[in-house]
Amino acid sequence: MISAGGTRILIDPFLTGNPTTPDSLKQLARYNGATKPAVILVSHSHFDHTQDVKAIATAGGIPVVGAFEWVQTLGLPDSLNRGGNLGAR
């Protein structure tokens, strides 16, 4: 997704194992070049929303935003860990 201001956001990257993803989009290195997102947003932790998150984030130095507990399991450096909480109590 590209915002109105031109910010690229990669949402729920399930690319390499997805049979419906075009081959050109399965090349994860492309997300470190001209199409590098500013952030990876993960809606929830099912594999078909998360499969390529860690590989893309670590290769490109891209922060990950998602449920705090799940993002922590990725073992990313603090600079890439943007886990959050969806609500208040």
PDB file of N, CA and C in Angstrom:
ATOM      1  N   MET A   1       0.840  -1.155   0.000  1.00  0.00           N
ATOM      2  CA  MET A   1       0.000   0.000   0.000  1.00  0.00           C
ATOM      3  C   MET A   1       0.897   1.234   0.000  1.00  0.00           C
ATOM      4  N   ILE A   2       0.465   2.287  -0.680  1.00  0.00           N
ATOM      5  CA  ILE A   2       1.177   3.562  -0.669  1.00  0.00           C
ATOM      6  C   ILE A   2       0.189   4.628  -0.202  1.00  0.00           C
ATOM      7  N   SER A   3       0.582   5.346   0.851  1.00  0.00           N
ATOM      8  CA  SER A   3      -0.300   6.378   1.385  1.00  0.00           C
ATOM      9  C   SER A   3      -0.384   7.553   0.420  1.00  0.00           C
ATOM     10  N   ALA A   4      -1.311   8.458   0.686  1.00  0.00           N
ATOM     11  CA  ALA A   4      -1.457   9.655  -0.145  1.00  0.00           C
ATOM     12  C   ALA A   4      -0.181  10.479  -0.147  1.00  0.00           C
ATOM     13  N   GLY A   5       0.583  10.397   0.933  1.00  0.00           N
ATOM     14  CA  GLY A   5       1.841  11.129   1.030  1.00  0.00           C
ATOM     15  C   GLY A   5       3.030  10.379   0.449  1.00  0.00           C
ATOM     16  N   GLY A   6       2.811   9.174  -0.054  1.00  0.00           N
ATOM     17  CA  GLY A   6       3.870   8.397  -0.687  1.00  0.00           C
ATOM     18  C   GLY A   6       4.577   7.397   0.207  1.00  0.00           C
ATOM     19  N   THR A   7       4.094   7.207   1.439  1.00  0.00           N
ATOM     20  CA  THR A   7       4.707   6.241   2.347  1.00  0.00           C
ATOM     21  C   THR A   7       4.284   4.829   1.965  1.00  0.00           C
ATOM     22  N   ARG A   8       5.250   3.942   1.820  1.00  0.00           N
ATOM     23  CA  ARG A   8       4.969   2.541   1.480  1.00  0.00           C
ATOM     24  C   ARG A   8       4.803   1.728   2.758  1.00  0.00           C
ATOM     25  N   ILE A   9       3.725   0.948   2.824  1.00  0.00           N
ATOM     26  CA  ILE A   9       3.443   0.074   3.962  1.00  0.00           C
ATOM     27  C   ILE A   9       3.199  -1.326   3.420  1.00  0.00           C
ATOM     28  N   LEU A  10       3.949  -2.291   3.916  1.00  0.00           N
ATOM     29  CA  LEU A  10       3.759  -3.681   3.523  1.00  0.00           C
ATOM     30  C   LEU A  10       2.881  -4.332   4.586  1.00  0.00           C
ATOM     31  N   ILE A  11       1.740  -4.859   4.181  1.00  0.00           N
ATOM     32  CA  ILE A  11       0.779  -5.426   5.116  1.00  0.00           C
ATOM     33  C   ILE A  11       0.708  -6.938   4.936  1.00  0.00           C
ATOM     34  N   ASP A  12       0.883  -7.666   6.046  1.00  0.00           N
ATOM     35  CA  ASP A  12       0.725  -9.124   6.082  1.00  0.00           C
ATOM     36  C   ASP A  12       1.456  -9.841   4.944  1.00  0.00           C
ATOM     37  N   PRO A  13       2.800  -9.767   4.916  1.00  0.00           N
ATOM     38  CA  PRO A  13       3.525 -10.359   3.797  1.00  0.00           C
ATOM     39  C   PRO A  13       3.583 -11.892   3.817  1.00  0.00           C
ATOM     40  N   PHE A  14       2.733 -12.484   3.034  1.00  0.00           N
ATOM     41  CA  PHE A  14       2.716 -13.929   2.770  1.00  0.00           C
ATOM     42  C   PHE A  14       2.980 -14.051   1.276  1.00  0.00           C
ATOM     43  N   LEU A  15       4.248 -14.111   0.915  1.00  0.00           N
ATOM     44  CA  LEU A  15       4.626 -14.007  -0.489  1.00  0.00           C
ATOM     45  C   LEU A  15       5.253 -15.272  -1.038  1.00  0.00           C
ATOM     46  N   THR A  16       6.341 -15.735  -0.438  1.00  0.00           N
ATOM     47  CA  THR A  16       7.103 -16.837  -1.014  1.00  0.00           C
ATOM     48  C   THR A  16       6.336 -18.153  -1.029  1.00  0.00           C
ATOM     49  N   GLY A  17       5.493 -18.399  -0.049  1.00  0.00           N
ATOM     50  CA  GLY A  17       4.743 -19.648   0.006  1.00  0.00           C
ATOM     51  C   GLY A  17       3.332 -19.549  -0.536  1.00  0.00           C
ATOM     52  N   ASN A  18       2.981 -18.402  -1.050  1.00  0.00           N
ATOM     53  CA  ASN A  18       1.615 -18.170  -1.529  1.00  0.00           C
ATOM     54  C   ASN A  18       1.537 -18.506  -3.017  1.00  0.00           C
ATOM     55  N   PRO A  19       0.746 -19.518  -3.382  1.00  0.00           N
ATOM     56  CA  PRO A  19       0.682 -19.916  -4.789  1.00  0.00           C
ATOM     57  C   PRO A  19       0.054 -18.855  -5.693  1.00  0.00           C
ATOM     58  N   THR A  20      -0.640 -17.884  -5.140  1.00  0.00           N
ATOM     59  CA  THR A  20      -1.268 -16.848  -5.972  1.00  0.00           C
ATOM     60  C   THR A  20      -0.398 -15.598  -6.138  1.00  0.00           C
ATOM     61  N   THR A  21       0.735 -15.549  -5.442  1.00  0.00           N
ATOM     62  CA  THR A  21       1.639 -14.408  -5.585  1.00  0.00           C
ATOM     63  C   THR A  21       2.422 -14.543  -6.881  1.00  0.00           C
ATOM     64  N   PRO A  22       2.433 -13.504  -7.714  1.00  0.00           N
ATOM     65  CA  PRO A  22       3.231 -13.555  -8.946  1.00  0.00           C
ATOM     66  C   PRO A  22       4.712 -13.740  -8.606  1.00  0.00           C
ATOM     67  N   ASP A  23       5.422 -14.475  -9.441  1.00  0.00           N
ATOM     68  CA  ASP A  23       6.838 -14.763  -9.192  1.00  0.00           C
ATOM     69  C   ASP A  23       7.656 -13.498  -8.963  1.00  0.00           C
ATOM     70  N   SER A  24       7.343 -12.428  -9.657  1.00  0.00           N
ATOM     71  CA  SER A  24       8.119 -11.190  -9.522  1.00  0.00           C
ATOM     72  C   SER A  24       8.012 -10.603  -8.110  1.00  0.00           C
ATOM     73  N   LEU A  25       6.916 -10.880  -7.406  1.00  0.00           N
ATOM     74  CA  LEU A  25       6.730 -10.361  -6.052  1.00  0.00           C
ATOM     75  C   LEU A  25       7.283 -11.300  -4.987  1.00  0.00           C
ATOM     76  N   LYS A  26       7.666 -12.518  -5.380  1.00  0.00           N
ATOM     77  CA  LYS A  26       8.225 -13.479  -4.431  1.00  0.00           C
ATOM     78  C   LYS A  26       9.711 -13.242  -4.184  1.00  0.00           C
ATOM     79  N   GLN A  27      10.336 -12.407  -4.976  1.00  0.00           N
ATOM     80  CA  GLN A  27      11.748 -12.088  -4.808  1.00  0.00           C
ATOM     81  C   GLN A  27      11.865 -11.054  -3.692  1.00  0.00           C
ATOM     82  N   LEU A  28      12.179 -11.498  -2.475  1.00  0.00           N
ATOM     83  CA  LEU A  28      12.152 -10.625  -1.306  1.00  0.00           C
ATOM     84  C   LEU A  28      13.163  -9.483  -1.386  1.00  0.00           C
ATOM     85  N   ALA A  29      14.209  -9.648  -2.168  1.00  0.00           N
ATOM     86  CA  ALA A  29      15.206  -8.585  -2.302  1.00  0.00           C
ATOM     87  C   ALA A  29      14.598  -7.321  -2.896  1.00  0.00           C
ATOM     88  N   ARG A  30      13.508  -7.439  -3.616  1.00  0.00           N
ATOM     89  CA  ARG A  30      12.875  -6.264  -4.222  1.00  0.00           C
ATOM     90  C   ARG A  30      12.350  -5.296  -3.167  1.00  0.00           C
ATOM     91  N   TYR A  31      12.121  -5.797  -1.951  1.00  0.00           N
ATOM     92  CA  TYR A  31      11.582  -4.945  -0.893  1.00  0.00           C
ATOM     93  C   TYR A  31      12.674  -4.139  -0.179  1.00  0.00           C
ATOM     94  N   ASN A  32      13.892  -4.223  -0.681  1.00  0.00           N
ATOM     95  CA  ASN A  32      14.998  -3.437  -0.142  1.00  0.00           C
ATOM     96  C   ASN A  32      15.430  -2.355  -1.112  1.00  0.00           C
ATOM     97  N   GLY A  33      14.836  -2.319  -2.282  1.00  0.00           N
ATOM     98  CA  GLY A  33      15.216  -1.343  -3.297  1.00  0.00           C
ATOM     99  C   GLY A  33      14.194  -0.222  -3.398  1.00  0.00           C
ATOM    100  N   ALA A  34      13.810   0.074  -4.609  1.00  0.00           N
ATOM    101  CA  ALA A  34      12.890   1.187  -4.876  1.00  0.00           C
ATOM    102  C   ALA A  34      11.525   0.972  -4.240  1.00  0.00           C
ATOM    103  N   THR A  35      11.165  -0.280  -3.997  1.00  0.00           N
ATOM    104  CA  THR A  35       9.852  -0.565  -3.402  1.00  0.00           C
ATOM    105  C   THR A  35       9.940  -0.846  -1.901  1.00  0.00           C
ATOM    106  N   LYS A  36      11.048  -0.446  -1.269  1.00  0.00           N
ATOM    107  CA  LYS A  36      11.230  -0.692   0.165  1.00  0.00           C
ATOM    108  C   LYS A  36      10.150   0.024   0.974  1.00  0.00           C
ATOM    109  N   PRO A  37       9.413  -0.740   1.799  1.00  0.00           N
ATOM    110  CA  PRO A  37       8.401  -0.100   2.633  1.00  0.00           C
ATOM    111  C   PRO A  37       9.018   0.606   3.837  1.00  0.00           C
ATOM    112  N   ALA A  38       8.310   1.584   4.365  1.00  0.00           N
ATOM    113  CA  ALA A  38       8.743   2.282   5.575  1.00  0.00           C
ATOM    114  C   ALA A  38       8.496   1.430   6.799  1.00  0.00           C
ATOM    115  N   VAL A  39       7.510   0.524   6.703  1.00  0.00           N
ATOM    116  CA  VAL A  39       7.119  -0.308   7.834  1.00  0.00           C
ATOM    117  C   VAL A  39       6.389  -1.550   7.322  1.00  0.00           C
ATOM    118  N   ILE A  40       6.443  -2.619   8.113  1.00  0.00           N
ATOM    119  CA  ILE A  40       5.656  -3.826   7.850  1.00  0.00           C
ATOM    120  C   ILE A  40       4.576  -3.890   8.918  1.00  0.00           C
ATOM    121  N   LEU A  41       3.339  -3.962   8.500  1.00  0.00           N
ATOM    122  CA  LEU A  41       2.200  -4.036   9.412  1.00  0.00           C
ATOM    123  C   LEU A  41       1.652  -5.457   9.398  1.00  0.00           C
ATOM    124  N   VAL A  42       1.505  -6.058  10.579  1.00  0.00           N
ATOM    125  CA  VAL A  42       0.994  -7.425  10.690  1.00  0.00           C
ATOM    126  C   VAL A  42      -0.315  -7.387  11.477  1.00  0.00           C
ATOM    127  N   SER A  43      -1.402  -7.805  10.837  1.00  0.00           N
ATOM    128  CA  SER A  43      -2.720  -7.741  11.476  1.00  0.00           C
ATOM    129  C   SER A  43      -2.889  -8.806  12.552  1.00  0.00           C
ATOM    130  N   HIS A  44      -2.369 -10.019  12.304  1.00  0.00           N
ATOM    131  CA  HIS A  44      -2.415 -11.098  13.286  1.00  0.00           C
ATOM    132  C   HIS A  44      -1.400 -12.156  12.889  1.00  0.00           C
ATOM    133  N   SER A  45      -1.160 -13.095  13.772  1.00  0.00           N
ATOM    134  CA  SER A  45       0.003 -13.972  13.620  1.00  0.00           C
ATOM    135  C   SER A  45      -0.217 -15.277  12.861  1.00  0.00           C
ATOM    136  N   HIS A  46      -1.253 -15.425  12.088  1.00  0.00           N
ATOM    137  CA  HIS A  46      -1.400 -16.631  11.271  1.00  0.00           C
ATOM    138  C   HIS A  46      -0.322 -16.637  10.195  1.00  0.00           C
ATOM    139  N   PHE A  47       0.173 -17.827   9.858  1.00  0.00           N
ATOM    140  CA  PHE A  47       1.294 -17.943   8.921  1.00  0.00           C
ATOM    141  C   PHE A  47       1.016 -17.263   7.591  1.00  0.00           C
ATOM    142  N   ASP A  48      -0.252 -17.254   7.175  1.00  0.00           N
ATOM    143  CA  ASP A  48      -0.568 -16.654   5.881  1.00  0.00           C
ATOM    144  C   ASP A  48      -0.662 -15.126   5.955  1.00  0.00           C
ATOM    145  N   HIS A  49      -0.187 -14.568   7.051  1.00  0.00           N
ATOM    146  CA  HIS A  49      -0.072 -13.122   7.204  1.00  0.00           C
ATOM    147  C   HIS A  49       1.343 -12.739   7.627  1.00  0.00           C
ATOM    148  N   THR A  50       2.151 -13.746   7.968  1.00  0.00           N
ATOM    149  CA  THR A  50       3.442 -13.452   8.596  1.00  0.00           C
ATOM    150  C   THR A  50       4.643 -14.168   7.991  1.00  0.00           C
ATOM    151  N   GLN A  51       4.435 -15.047   7.056  1.00  0.00           N
ATOM    152  CA  GLN A  51       5.510 -15.937   6.619  1.00  0.00           C
ATOM    153  C   GLN A  51       6.818 -15.227   6.280  1.00  0.00           C
ATOM    154  N   ASP A  52       6.762 -14.094   5.636  1.00  0.00           N
ATOM    155  CA  ASP A  52       7.977 -13.443   5.168  1.00  0.00           C
ATOM    156  C   ASP A  52       8.365 -12.196   5.960  1.00  0.00           C
ATOM    157  N   VAL A  53       7.710 -11.964   7.086  1.00  0.00           N
ATOM    158  CA  VAL A  53       7.964 -10.755   7.877  1.00  0.00           C
ATOM    159  C   VAL A  53       9.418 -10.649   8.308  1.00  0.00           C
ATOM    160  N   LYS A  54       9.930 -11.650   8.987  1.00  0.00           N
ATOM    161  CA  LYS A  54      11.282 -11.563   9.545  1.00  0.00           C
ATOM    162  C   LYS A  54      12.334 -11.419   8.452  1.00  0.00           C
ATOM    163  N   ALA A  55      12.215 -12.176   7.388  1.00  0.00           N
ATOM    164  CA  ALA A  55      13.203 -12.109   6.310  1.00  0.00           C
ATOM    165  C   ALA A  55      13.248 -10.721   5.678  1.00  0.00           C
ATOM    166  N   ILE A  56      12.095 -10.144   5.427  1.00  0.00           N
ATOM    167  CA  ILE A  56      12.048  -8.815   4.814  1.00  0.00           C
ATOM    168  C   ILE A  56      12.539  -7.757   5.797  1.00  0.00           C
ATOM    169  N   ALA A  57      12.089  -7.847   7.046  1.00  0.00           N
ATOM    170  CA  ALA A  57      12.458  -6.851   8.057  1.00  0.00           C
ATOM    171  C   ALA A  57      13.958  -6.836   8.300  1.00  0.00           C
ATOM    172  N   THR A  58      14.559  -7.999   8.475  1.00  0.00           N
ATOM    173  CA  THR A  58      15.987  -8.042   8.793  1.00  0.00           C
ATOM    174  C   THR A  58      16.846  -7.683   7.587  1.00  0.00           C
ATOM    175  N   ALA A  59      16.457  -8.105   6.408  1.00  0.00           N
ATOM    176  CA  ALA A  59      17.250  -7.801   5.218  1.00  0.00           C
ATOM    177  C   ALA A  59      17.235  -6.313   4.886  1.00  0.00           C
ATOM    178  N   GLY A  60      16.091  -5.673   5.128  1.00  0.00           N
ATOM    179  CA  GLY A  60      15.974  -4.274   4.745  1.00  0.00           C
ATOM    180  C   GLY A  60      16.013  -3.282   5.883  1.00  0.00           C
ATOM    181  N   GLY A  61      16.122  -3.770   7.121  1.00  0.00           N
ATOM    182  CA  GLY A  61      16.099  -2.859   8.264  1.00  0.00           C
ATOM    183  C   GLY A  61      14.766  -2.154   8.393  1.00  0.00           C
ATOM    184  N   ILE A  62      13.684  -2.906   8.208  1.00  0.00           N
ATOM    185  CA  ILE A  62      12.331  -2.340   8.183  1.00  0.00           C
ATOM    186  C   ILE A  62      11.622  -2.659   9.494  1.00  0.00           C
ATOM    187  N   PRO A  63      11.092  -1.657  10.193  1.00  0.00           N
ATOM    188  CA  PRO A  63      10.372  -1.897  11.443  1.00  0.00           C
ATOM    189  C   PRO A  63       9.095  -2.709  11.226  1.00  0.00           C
ATOM    190  N   VAL A  64       8.739  -3.504  12.234  1.00  0.00           N
ATOM    191  CA  VAL A  64       7.528  -4.323  12.195  1.00  0.00           C
ATOM    192  C   VAL A  64       6.562  -3.831  13.262  1.00  0.00           C
ATOM    193  N   VAL A  65       5.323  -3.599  12.837  1.00  0.00           N
ATOM    194  CA  VAL A  65       4.249  -3.188  13.745  1.00  0.00           C
ATOM    195  C   VAL A  65       3.239  -4.326  13.811  1.00  0.00           C
ATOM    196  N   GLY A  66       2.927  -4.766  15.025  1.00  0.00           N
ATOM    197  CA  GLY A  66       1.961  -5.831  15.218  1.00  0.00           C
ATOM    198  C   GLY A  66       1.744  -6.031  16.701  1.00  0.00           C
ATOM    199  N   ALA A  67       1.063  -7.099  17.056  1.00  0.00           N
ATOM    200  CA  ALA A  67       0.827  -7.407  18.467  1.00  0.00           C
ATOM    201  C   ALA A  67       2.169  -7.565  19.180  1.00  0.00           C
ATOM    202  N   PHE A  68       2.316  -6.885  20.297  1.00  0.00           N
ATOM    203  CA  PHE A  68       3.579  -6.827  21.031  1.00  0.00           C
ATOM    204  C   PHE A  68       4.190  -8.207  21.249  1.00  0.00           C
ATOM    205  N   GLU A  69       3.414  -9.128  21.786  1.00  0.00           N
ATOM    206  CA  GLU A  69       3.938 -10.450  22.130  1.00  0.00           C
ATOM    207  C   GLU A  69       4.446 -11.187  20.897  1.00  0.00           C
ATOM    208  N   TRP A  70       3.742 -11.067  19.796  1.00  0.00           N
ATOM    209  CA  TRP A  70       4.157 -11.767  18.586  1.00  0.00           C
ATOM    210  C   TRP A  70       5.416 -11.139  18.004  1.00  0.00           C
ATOM    211  N   VAL A  71       5.461  -9.834  17.915  1.00  0.00           N
ATOM    212  CA  VAL A  71       6.642  -9.167  17.361  1.00  0.00           C
ATOM    213  C   VAL A  71       7.878  -9.526  18.186  1.00  0.00           C
ATOM    214  N   GLN A  72       7.726  -9.654  19.503  1.00  0.00           N
ATOM    215  CA  GLN A  72       8.846 -10.034  20.367  1.00  0.00           C
ATOM    216  C   GLN A  72       9.420 -11.397  19.981  1.00  0.00           C
ATOM    217  N   THR A  73       8.586 -12.311  19.515  1.00  0.00           N
ATOM    218  CA  THR A  73       9.058 -13.658  19.168  1.00  0.00           C
ATOM    219  C   THR A  73       9.973 -13.663  17.951  1.00  0.00           C
ATOM    220  N   LEU A  74       9.978 -12.598  17.168  1.00  0.00           N
ATOM    221  CA  LEU A  74      10.803 -12.553  15.963  1.00  0.00           C
ATOM    222  C   LEU A  74      12.288 -12.384  16.280  1.00  0.00           C
ATOM    223  N   GLY A  75      12.599 -11.889  17.475  1.00  0.00           N
ATOM    224  CA  GLY A  75      13.989 -11.679  17.844  1.00  0.00           C
ATOM    225  C   GLY A  75      14.655 -10.563  17.051  1.00  0.00           C
ATOM    226  N   LEU A  76      13.878  -9.578  16.666  1.00  0.00           N
ATOM    227  CA  LEU A  76      14.419  -8.451  15.912  1.00  0.00           C
ATOM    228  C   LEU A  76      15.173  -7.498  16.830  1.00  0.00           C
ATOM    229  N   PRO A  77      16.101  -6.725  16.282  1.00  0.00           N
ATOM    230  CA  PRO A  77      16.733  -5.685  17.090  1.00  0.00           C
ATOM    231  C   PRO A  77      15.668  -4.682  17.556  1.00  0.00           C
ATOM    232  N   ASP A  78      15.920  -4.032  18.672  1.00  0.00           N
ATOM    233  CA  ASP A  78      14.957  -3.075  19.212  1.00  0.00           C
ATOM    234  C   ASP A  78      14.556  -2.012  18.199  1.00  0.00           C
ATOM    235  N   SER A  79      15.460  -1.633  17.324  1.00  0.00           N
ATOM    236  CA  SER A  79      15.167  -0.585  16.343  1.00  0.00           C
ATOM    237  C   SER A  79      14.112  -1.012  15.326  1.00  0.00           C
ATOM    238  N   LEU A  80      13.882  -2.313  15.190  1.00  0.00           N
ATOM    239  CA  LEU A  80      12.894  -2.816  14.226  1.00  0.00           C
ATOM    240  C   LEU A  80      11.630  -3.308  14.918  1.00  0.00           C
ATOM    241  N   ASN A  81      11.638  -3.369  16.230  1.00  0.00           N
ATOM    242  CA  ASN A  81      10.526  -3.909  16.986  1.00  0.00           C
ATOM    243  C   ASN A  81       9.559  -2.798  17.361  1.00  0.00           C
ATOM    244  N   ARG A  82       8.395  -2.772  16.719  1.00  0.00           N
ATOM    245  CA  ARG A  82       7.386  -1.767  16.993  1.00  0.00           C
ATOM    246  C   ARG A  82       6.083  -2.422  17.426  1.00  0.00           C
ATOM    247  N   GLY A  83       6.201  -3.467  18.218  1.00  0.00           N
ATOM    248  CA  GLY A  83       5.009  -4.152  18.720  1.00  0.00           C
ATOM    249  C   GLY A  83       4.122  -3.192  19.485  1.00  0.00           C
ATOM    250  N   GLY A  84       2.844  -3.417  19.430  1.00  0.00           N
ATOM    251  CA  GLY A  84       1.908  -2.530  20.108  1.00  0.00           C
ATOM    252  C   GLY A  84       0.762  -3.292  20.724  1.00  0.00           C
ATOM    253  N   ASN A  85      -0.146  -2.583  21.290  1.00  0.00           N
ATOM    254  CA  ASN A  85      -1.318  -3.150  21.943  1.00  0.00           C
ATOM    255  C   ASN A  85      -2.541  -2.557  21.259  1.00  0.00           C
ATOM    256  N   LEU A  86      -3.539  -3.386  20.995  1.00  0.00           N
ATOM    257  CA  LEU A  86      -4.718  -2.932  20.265  1.00  0.00           C
ATOM    258  C   LEU A  86      -5.746  -2.188  21.091  1.00  0.00           C
ATOM    259  N   GLY A  87      -5.678  -2.268  22.379  1.00  0.00           N
ATOM    260  CA  GLY A  87      -6.731  -1.610  23.142  1.00  0.00           C
ATOM    261  C   GLY A  87      -6.343  -1.302  24.558  1.00  0.00           C
ATOM    262  N   ALA A  88      -7.234  -0.616  25.225  1.00  0.00           N
ATOM    263  CA  ALA A  88      -7.026  -0.263  26.631  1.00  0.00           C
ATOM    264  C   ALA A  88      -7.918  -1.122  27.498  1.00  0.00           C
ATOM    265  N   ARG A  89      -7.619  -1.139  28.773  1.00  0.00           N
ATOM    266  CA  ARG A  89      -8.420  -1.951  29.694  1.00  0.00           C
ATOM    267  C   ARG A  89      -9.288  -1.072  30.527  1.00  0.00           C
TER     268      ARG A  89
END
